[in-house]
PDB file of N, CA and C in Angstrom:
ATOM      1  N   MET A   1      59.861  19.000  98.411  1.00  0.00           N
ATOM      2  CA  MET A   1      59.064  18.023  98.715  1.00  0.00           C
ATOM      3  C   MET A   1      58.242  17.470  99.462  1.00  0.00           C
ATOM      4  N   SER A   2      57.706  17.741 100.242  1.00  0.00           N
ATOM      5  CA  SER A   2      57.529  15.976 101.473  1.00  0.00           C
ATOM      6  C   SER A   2      55.727  15.495 100.735  1.00  0.00           C
ATOM      7  N   SER A   3      55.791  14.496 101.393  1.00  0.00           N
ATOM      8  CA  SER A   3      54.820  13.624 101.455  1.00  0.00           C
ATOM      9  C   SER A   3      53.804  13.524 103.207  1.00  0.00           C
ATOM     10  N   SER A   4      52.828  13.660 102.620  1.00  0.00           N
ATOM     11  CA  SER A   4      52.574  13.615 103.754  1.00  0.00           C
ATOM     12  C   SER A   4      52.102  11.443 104.160  1.00  0.00           C
ATOM     13  N   ILE A   5      51.917  11.031 102.320  1.00  0.00           N
ATOM     14  CA  ILE A   5      52.091   9.678 103.117  1.00  0.00           C
ATOM     15  C   ILE A   5      53.721   8.617 103.890  1.00  0.00           C
ATOM     16  N   LYS A   6      53.213   8.067 104.310  1.00  0.00           N
ATOM     17  CA  LYS A   6      53.666   7.261 105.466  1.00  0.00           C
ATOM     18  C   LYS A   6      53.829   6.028 104.898  1.00  0.00           C
ATOM     19  N   ALA A   7      55.380   5.983 104.585  1.00  0.00           N
ATOM     20  CA  ALA A   7      55.336   4.403 104.623  1.00  0.00           C
ATOM     21  C   ALA A   7      55.026   3.426 105.578  1.00  0.00           C
ATOM     22  N   PRO A   8      55.086   2.330 104.734  1.00  0.00           N
ATOM     23  CA  PRO A   8      53.941   1.373 106.027  1.00  0.00           C
ATOM     24  C   PRO A   8      56.089   0.632 106.312  1.00  0.00           C
ATOM     25  N   ASP A   9      55.745   0.160 107.972  1.00  0.00           N
ATOM     26  CA  ASP A   9      56.651   0.021 108.763  1.00  0.00           C
ATOM     27  C   ASP A   9      57.412  -1.089 108.295  1.00  0.00           C
ATOM     28  N   ARG A  10      56.410  -1.848 108.095  1.00  0.00           N
ATOM     29  CA  ARG A  10      57.095  -3.434 107.281  1.00  0.00           C
ATOM     30  C   ARG A  10      55.868  -3.641 106.010  1.00  0.00           C
ATOM     31  N   HIS A  11      56.360  -4.427 105.195  1.00  0.00           N
ATOM     32  CA  HIS A  11      55.742  -4.972 104.110  1.00  0.00           C
ATOM     33  C   HIS A  11      54.277  -5.836 104.473  1.00  0.00           C
ATOM     34  N   PRO A  12      53.547  -5.652 103.419  1.00  0.00           N
ATOM     35  CA  PRO A  12      51.913  -6.039 103.462  1.00  0.00           C
ATOM     36  C   PRO A  12      52.512  -7.990 103.898  1.00  0.00           C
ATOM     37  N   THR A  13      51.044  -8.216 104.829  1.00  0.00           N
ATOM     38  CA  THR A  13      51.214  -9.656 104.833  1.00  0.00           C
ATOM     39  C   THR A  13      50.054  -9.712 104.446  1.00  0.00           C
ATOM     40  N   ALA A  14      49.177 -11.491 103.649  1.00  0.00           N
ATOM     41  CA  ALA A  14      47.796 -12.013 103.772  1.00  0.00           C
ATOM     42  C   ALA A  14      47.553 -12.399 104.312  1.00  0.00           C
ATOM     43  N   VAL A  15      46.462 -12.061 104.439  1.00  0.00           N
ATOM     44  CA  VAL A  15      45.089 -11.853 105.250  1.00  0.00           C
ATOM     45  C   VAL A  15      44.108 -13.032 104.577  1.00  0.00           C
ATOM     46  N   SER A  16      43.588 -13.100 103.416  1.00  0.00           N
ATOM     47  CA  SER A  16      43.325 -13.929 102.846  1.00  0.00           C
ATOM     48  C   SER A  16      43.222 -14.172 101.443  1.00  0.00           C
ATOM     49  N   ALA A  17      43.069 -15.776 100.463  1.00  0.00           N
ATOM     50  CA  ALA A  17      43.618 -15.707  99.353  1.00  0.00           C
ATOM     51  C   ALA A  17      42.573 -16.286  98.996  1.00  0.00           C
ATOM     52  N   ASP A  18      42.385 -17.379  97.466  1.00  0.00           N
ATOM     53  CA  ASP A  18      41.170 -17.165  96.812  1.00  0.00           C
ATOM     54  C   ASP A  18      42.072 -17.913  95.817  1.00  0.00           C
ATOM     55  N   ILE A  19      42.826 -18.994  94.998  1.00  0.00           N
ATOM     56  CA  ILE A  19      42.233 -19.969  93.492  1.00  0.00           C
ATOM     57  C   ILE A  19      41.579 -19.948  92.701  1.00  0.00           C
ATOM     58  N   ASP A  20      41.422 -19.243  91.393  1.00  0.00           N
ATOM     59  CA  ASP A  20      40.714 -20.156  90.196  1.00  0.00           C
ATOM     60  C   ASP A  20      42.089 -20.949  89.363  1.00  0.00           C
ATOM     61  N   SER A  21      41.004 -21.786  87.965  1.00  0.00           N
ATOM     62  CA  SER A  21      41.753 -21.821  87.380  1.00  0.00           C
ATOM     63  C   SER A  21      43.049 -20.767  86.197  1.00  0.00           C
ATOM     64  N   GLU A  22      42.376 -19.894  86.729  1.00  0.00           N
ATOM     65  CA  GLU A  22      43.467 -19.160  85.959  1.00  0.00           C
ATOM     66  C   GLU A  22      44.093 -18.353  87.121  1.00  0.00           C
ATOM     67  N   ARG A  23      43.966 -17.809  88.415  1.00  0.00           N
ATOM     68  CA  ARG A  23      44.673 -16.077  89.158  1.00  0.00           C
ATOM     69  C   ARG A  23      44.798 -16.835  90.684  1.00  0.00           C
ATOM     70  N   LEU A  24      44.911 -16.926  91.206  1.00  0.00           N
ATOM     71  CA  LEU A  24      45.635 -16.267  92.430  1.00  0.00           C
ATOM     72  C   LEU A  24      45.217 -15.013  92.723  1.00  0.00           C
ATOM     73  N   HIS A  25      44.732 -14.821  93.573  1.00  0.00           N
ATOM     74  CA  HIS A  25      43.876 -13.964  94.541  1.00  0.00           C
ATOM     75  C   HIS A  25      44.111 -13.601  95.292  1.00  0.00           C
ATOM     76  N   VAL A  26      45.079 -12.452  96.252  1.00  0.00           N
ATOM     77  CA  VAL A  26      45.598 -12.707  97.902  1.00  0.00           C
ATOM     78  C   VAL A  26      45.647 -10.959  97.822  1.00  0.00           C
ATOM     79  N   THR A  27      44.205 -10.925  98.840  1.00  0.00           N
ATOM     80  CA  THR A  27      44.299  -9.882  99.897  1.00  0.00           C
ATOM     81  C   THR A  27      44.889 -10.001 100.775  1.00  0.00           C
ATOM     82  N   PHE A  28      45.625  -8.306 101.315  1.00  0.00           N
ATOM     83  CA  PHE A  28      46.595  -7.832 101.799  1.00  0.00           C
ATOM     84  C   PHE A  28      45.758  -7.329 102.831  1.00  0.00           C
ATOM     85  N   VAL A  29      46.659  -6.805 104.100  1.00  0.00           N
ATOM     86  CA  VAL A  29      45.700  -6.041 105.827  1.00  0.00           C
ATOM     87  C   VAL A  29      45.939  -5.206 105.708  1.00  0.00           C
ATOM     88  N   ASP A  30      46.198  -4.950 104.346  1.00  0.00           N
ATOM     89  CA  ASP A  30      45.977  -3.079 104.122  1.00  0.00           C
ATOM     90  C   ASP A  30      44.774  -2.880 103.077  1.00  0.00           C
ATOM     91  N   GLY A  31      44.361  -4.210 103.003  1.00  0.00           N
ATOM     92  CA  GLY A  31      43.173  -3.860 102.264  1.00  0.00           C
ATOM     93  C   GLY A  31      43.407  -3.737 100.747  1.00  0.00           C
ATOM     94  N   ARG A  32      44.684  -3.731 100.689  1.00  0.00           N
ATOM     95  CA  ARG A  32      44.881  -4.742  98.583  1.00  0.00           C
ATOM     96  C   ARG A  32      44.867  -5.507  98.569  1.00  0.00           C
ATOM     97  N   ASP A  33      44.554  -6.273  97.354  1.00  0.00           N
ATOM     98  CA  ASP A  33      44.124  -6.625  96.879  1.00  0.00           C
ATOM     99  C   ASP A  33      45.250  -7.415  95.082  1.00  0.00           C
ATOM    100  N   LEU A  34      45.274  -9.159  94.655  1.00  0.00           N
ATOM    101  CA  LEU A  34      46.686  -8.987  94.296  1.00  0.00           C
ATOM    102  C   LEU A  34      46.002  -9.843  93.439  1.00  0.00           C
ATOM    103  N   TYR A  35      46.149  -9.676  92.151  1.00  0.00           N
ATOM    104  CA  TYR A  35      45.149 -10.706  91.061  1.00  0.00           C
ATOM    105  C   TYR A  35      47.005 -11.467  90.276  1.00  0.00           C
ATOM    106  N   VAL A  36      47.333 -13.221  90.251  1.00  0.00           N
ATOM    107  CA  VAL A  36      48.567 -13.180  89.642  1.00  0.00           C
ATOM    108  C   VAL A  36      47.960 -14.395  88.964  1.00  0.00           C
ATOM    109  N   PRO A  37      49.078 -14.103  87.748  1.00  0.00           N
ATOM    110  CA  PRO A  37      48.505 -15.600  86.669  1.00  0.00           C
ATOM    111  C   PRO A  37      49.154 -17.138  87.533  1.00  0.00           C
ATOM    112  N   VAL A  38      48.057 -18.025  87.951  1.00  0.00           N
ATOM    113  CA  VAL A  38      48.516 -19.383  88.147  1.00  0.00           C
ATOM    114  C   VAL A  38      49.657 -19.406  87.696  1.00  0.00           C
ATOM    115  N   ALA A  39      49.695 -19.263  86.157  1.00  0.00           N
ATOM    116  CA  ALA A  39      50.553 -19.440  84.941  1.00  0.00           C
ATOM    117  C   ALA A  39      52.299 -19.463  85.024  1.00  0.00           C
ATOM    118  N   TRP A  40      51.792 -18.203  86.354  1.00  0.00           N
ATOM    119  CA  TRP A  40      53.505 -17.781  86.730  1.00  0.00           C
ATOM    120  C   TRP A  40      54.330 -18.865  87.555  1.00  0.00           C
ATOM    121  N   PHE A  41      53.866 -19.705  88.137  1.00  0.00           N
ATOM    122  CA  PHE A  41      53.830 -21.145  88.350  1.00  0.00           C
ATOM    123  C   PHE A  41      53.404 -22.455  87.858  1.00  0.00           C
ATOM    124  N   GLY A  42      55.051 -22.848  87.572  1.00  0.00           N
ATOM    125  CA  GLY A  42      54.363 -24.319  86.713  1.00  0.00           C
ATOM    126  C   GLY A  42      53.425 -25.275  87.554  1.00  0.00           C
ATOM    127  N   TRP A  43      54.326 -25.286  89.089  1.00  0.00           N
ATOM    128  CA  TRP A  43      54.276 -26.819  89.607  1.00  0.00           C
ATOM    129  C   TRP A  43      52.284 -26.044  89.795  1.00  0.00           C
ATOM    130  N   LEU A  44      52.006 -25.104  90.073  1.00  0.00           N
ATOM    131  CA  LEU A  44      50.755 -24.347  90.322  1.00  0.00           C
ATOM    132  C   LEU A  44      49.847 -25.357  89.152  1.00  0.00           C
ATOM    133  N   ASN A  45      50.297 -24.609  88.216  1.00  0.00           N
ATOM    134  CA  ASN A  45      49.623 -24.403  86.708  1.00  0.00           C
ATOM    135  C   ASN A  45      48.774 -26.096  86.491  1.00  0.00           C
ATOM    136  N   ASP A  46      50.120 -26.514  86.382  1.00  0.00           N
ATOM    137  CA  ASP A  46      49.579 -28.106  86.208  1.00  0.00           C
ATOM    138  C   ASP A  46      49.393 -28.822  87.311  1.00  0.00           C
ATOM    139  N   ALA A  47      48.709 -28.326  88.778  1.00  0.00           N
ATOM    140  CA  ALA A  47      47.781 -29.461  90.133  1.00  0.00           C
ATOM    141  C   ALA A  47      46.143 -29.179  89.161  1.00  0.00           C
ATOM    142  N   THR A  48      46.154 -29.895  90.115  1.00  0.00           N
ATOM    143  CA  THR A  48      44.748 -30.425  90.061  1.00  0.00           C
ATOM    144  C   THR A  48      43.569 -29.474  90.672  1.00  0.00           C
ATOM    145  N   GLU A  49      42.373 -29.075  89.955  1.00  0.00           N
ATOM    146  CA  GLU A  49      42.122 -27.937  91.061  1.00  0.00           C
ATOM    147  C   GLU A  49      41.720 -28.340  92.416  1.00  0.00           C
ATOM    148  N   GLU A  50      41.695 -29.814  92.426  1.00  0.00           N
ATOM    149  CA  GLU A  50      41.513 -29.894  93.967  1.00  0.00           C
ATOM    150  C   GLU A  50      42.936 -30.022  94.786  1.00  0.00           C
ATOM    151  N   GLN A  51      44.012 -30.026  94.255  1.00  0.00           N
ATOM    152  CA  GLN A  51      45.207 -29.499  94.464  1.00  0.00           C
ATOM    153  C   GLN A  51      45.177 -28.221  95.030  1.00  0.00           C
ATOM    154  N   LYS A  52      44.889 -27.235  94.059  1.00  0.00           N
ATOM    155  CA  LYS A  52      44.955 -25.701  94.152  1.00  0.00           C
ATOM    156  C   LYS A  52      44.090 -25.434  95.215  1.00  0.00           C
ATOM    157  N   ALA A  53      43.230 -25.951  95.596  1.00  0.00           N
ATOM    158  CA  ALA A  53      42.045 -25.646  96.845  1.00  0.00           C
ATOM    159  C   ALA A  53      43.174 -25.571  97.674  1.00  0.00           C
ATOM    160  N   ASP A  54      44.036 -26.544  98.351  1.00  0.00           N
ATOM    161  CA  ASP A  54      44.692 -27.102  99.005  1.00  0.00           C
ATOM    162  C   ASP A  54      45.284 -26.283  99.953  1.00  0.00           C
ATOM    163  N   PHE A  55      45.541 -25.644 100.145  1.00  0.00           N
ATOM    164  CA  PHE A  55      46.298 -24.041 100.361  1.00  0.00           C
ATOM    165  C   PHE A  55      46.213 -24.010 101.886  1.00  0.00           C
ATOM    166  N   GLU A  56      47.209 -23.154 102.275  1.00  0.00           N
ATOM    167  CA  GLU A  56      46.424 -22.047 103.473  1.00  0.00           C
ATOM    168  C   GLU A  56      47.397 -21.311 103.789  1.00  0.00           C
ATOM    169  N   ILE A  57      47.468 -19.969 104.314  1.00  0.00           N
ATOM    170  CA  ILE A  57      48.557 -18.830 104.602  1.00  0.00           C
ATOM    171  C   ILE A  57      49.310 -19.326 106.121  1.00  0.00           C
ATOM    172  N   ILE A  58      50.417 -19.238 105.855  1.00  0.00           N
ATOM    173  CA  ILE A  58      51.152 -19.250 106.657  1.00  0.00           C
ATOM    174  C   ILE A  58      51.999 -18.508 107.188  1.00  0.00           C
ATOM    175  N   GLU A  59      52.817 -18.520 108.193  1.00  0.00           N
ATOM    176  CA  GLU A  59      53.543 -17.345 108.946  1.00  0.00           C
ATOM    177  C   GLU A  59      52.996 -16.100 109.199  1.00  0.00           C
ATOM    178  N   GLY A  60      51.796 -17.085 109.796  1.00  0.00           N
ATOM    179  CA  GLY A  60      51.263 -14.869 109.924  1.00  0.00           C
ATOM    180  C   GLY A  60      50.983 -13.820 108.544  1.00  0.00           C
ATOM    181  N   GLY A  61      50.892 -14.323 107.360  1.00  0.00           N
ATOM    182  CA  GLY A  61      50.602 -13.631 107.086  1.00  0.00           C
ATOM    183  C   GLY A  61      52.105 -13.713 105.055  1.00  0.00           C
ATOM    184  N   GLU A  62      53.385 -14.463 105.950  1.00  0.00           N
ATOM    185  CA  GLU A  62      54.157 -14.580 104.762  1.00  0.00           C
ATOM    186  C   GLU A  62      53.725 -15.906 103.634  1.00  0.00           C
ATOM    187  N   GLY A  63      53.539 -15.765 104.428  1.00  0.00           N
ATOM    188  CA  GLY A  63      53.158 -17.172 103.106  1.00  0.00           C
ATOM    189  C   GLY A  63      52.114 -18.272 102.399  1.00  0.00           C
ATOM    190  N   ILE A  64      52.081 -18.219 101.367  1.00  0.00           N
ATOM    191  CA  ILE A  64      50.581 -19.629 101.311  1.00  0.00           C
ATOM    192  C   ILE A  64      51.148 -20.516 100.671  1.00  0.00           C
ATOM    193  N   TRP A  65      51.114 -21.897 101.206  1.00  0.00           N
ATOM    194  CA  TRP A  65      51.323 -23.125 101.302  1.00  0.00           C
ATOM    195  C   TRP A  65      50.500 -24.499 100.741  1.00  0.00           C
ATOM    196  N   TRP A  66      50.857 -25.062  99.558  1.00  0.00           N
ATOM    197  CA  TRP A  66      49.853 -26.345  99.385  1.00  0.00           C
ATOM    198  C   TRP A  66      50.384 -27.215  99.236  1.00  0.00           C
ATOM    199  N   ASP A  67      50.042 -28.125 100.978  1.00  0.00           N
ATOM    200  CA  ASP A  67      50.690 -28.894 101.067  1.00  0.00           C
ATOM    201  C   ASP A  67      50.594 -30.027 100.552  1.00  0.00           C
ATOM    202  N   GLN A  68      49.957 -30.526  99.768  1.00  0.00           N
ATOM    203  CA  GLN A  68      50.024 -31.653  98.484  1.00  0.00           C
ATOM    204  C   GLN A  68      50.868 -31.455  97.652  1.00  0.00           C
ATOM    205  N   LEU A  69      50.953 -30.429  97.253  1.00  0.00           N
ATOM    206  CA  LEU A  69      52.032 -30.010  96.595  1.00  0.00           C
ATOM    207  C   LEU A  69      53.119 -29.535  96.974  1.00  0.00           C
ATOM    208  N   GLU A  70      53.631 -30.065  98.096  1.00  0.00           N
ATOM    209  CA  GLU A  70      54.979 -29.961  98.953  1.00  0.00           C
ATOM    210  C   GLU A  70      55.764 -28.624  97.877  1.00  0.00           C
ATOM    211  N   ASP A  71      54.709 -26.829  98.107  1.00  0.00           N
ATOM    212  CA  ASP A  71      55.587 -25.812  97.456  1.00  0.00           C
ATOM    213  C   ASP A  71      54.118 -25.169  97.592  1.00  0.00           C
ATOM    214  N   GLY A  72      54.840 -23.573  98.043  1.00  0.00           N
ATOM    215  CA  GLY A  72      54.701 -22.181  97.972  1.00  0.00           C
ATOM    216  C   GLY A  72      54.592 -21.372  97.385  1.00  0.00           C
ATOM    217  N   VAL A  73      54.476 -20.378  97.942  1.00  0.00           N
ATOM    218  CA  VAL A  73      54.944 -18.432  97.487  1.00  0.00           C
ATOM    219  C   VAL A  73      55.269 -17.859  98.544  1.00  0.00           C
ATOM    220  N   SER A  74      55.712 -17.006  98.700  1.00  0.00           N
ATOM    221  CA  SER A  74      56.057 -15.662  98.718  1.00  0.00           C
ATOM    222  C   SER A  74      55.359 -14.478  99.257  1.00  0.00           C
ATOM    223  N   VAL A  75      54.821 -14.369 100.569  1.00  0.00           N
ATOM    224  CA  VAL A  75      53.618 -12.867 100.024  1.00  0.00           C
ATOM    225  C   VAL A  75      54.737 -12.111  99.699  1.00  0.00           C
ATOM    226  N   PRO A  76      55.589 -11.496 100.272  1.00  0.00           N
ATOM    227  CA  PRO A  76      56.235 -10.256  99.931  1.00  0.00           C
ATOM    228  C   PRO A  76      57.129 -10.612  98.196  1.00  0.00           C
ATOM    229  N   GLY A  77      57.282 -12.016  98.573  1.00  0.00           N
ATOM    230  CA  GLY A  77      57.707 -12.320  96.914  1.00  0.00           C
ATOM    231  C   GLY A  77      57.009 -11.855  95.534  1.00  0.00           C
ATOM    232  N   LEU A  78      55.077 -11.688  95.934  1.00  0.00           N
ATOM    233  CA  LEU A  78      54.399 -11.651  95.040  1.00  0.00           C
ATOM    234  C   LEU A  78      54.388 -10.296  94.693  1.00  0.00           C
ATOM    235  N   LEU A  79      55.371  -9.607  95.883  1.00  0.00           N
ATOM    236  CA  LEU A  79      55.057  -8.293  95.248  1.00  0.00           C
ATOM    237  C   LEU A  79      56.739  -7.687  95.377  1.00  0.00           C
ATOM    238  N   GLY A  80      56.829  -7.652  94.495  1.00  0.00           N
ATOM    239  CA  GLY A  80      58.799  -8.461  94.082  1.00  0.00           C
ATOM    240  C   GLY A  80      59.571  -7.639  95.491  1.00  0.00           C
ATOM    241  N   LEU A  81      59.177  -7.895  96.457  1.00  0.00           N
ATOM    242  CA  LEU A  81      59.592  -7.000  98.137  1.00  0.00           C
ATOM    243  C   LEU A  81      60.709  -8.980  98.760  1.00  0.00           C
ATOM    244  N   PRO A  82      61.725  -8.996  99.020  1.00  0.00           N
ATOM    245  CA  PRO A  82      62.323  -9.797 100.098  1.00  0.00           C
ATOM    246  C   PRO A  82      61.750 -10.169 101.169  1.00  0.00           C
ATOM    247  N   HIS A  83      62.119 -11.007 101.304  1.00  0.00           N
ATOM    248  CA  HIS A  83      60.620 -12.060 102.438  1.00  0.00           C
ATOM    249  C   HIS A  83      62.019 -12.141 103.854  1.00  0.00           C
ATOM    250  N   THR A  84      61.370 -11.276 104.570  1.00  0.00           N
ATOM    251  CA  THR A  84      62.195 -10.866 105.813  1.00  0.00           C
ATOM    252  C   THR A  84      61.941 -11.672 107.022  1.00  0.00           C
TER     253      THR A  84
END
């Protein structure tokens, strides 16, 4: 059996992100959206709203970094993929 669906050449990268007190919302270049509980990341869950809002997408969409918290997440890691 064959499929006409072609696997992507590389993993998706983030084009935008938003955060509120409960969820991190990431939009990928391929149009998919992912919502992740902030509680998954203790350092982020314990941050103030101001600290949570102070982030940037880095490395061409490969990561999200919170400068005030000196920590971040790997976008491929959010999908359970290795960071390449």
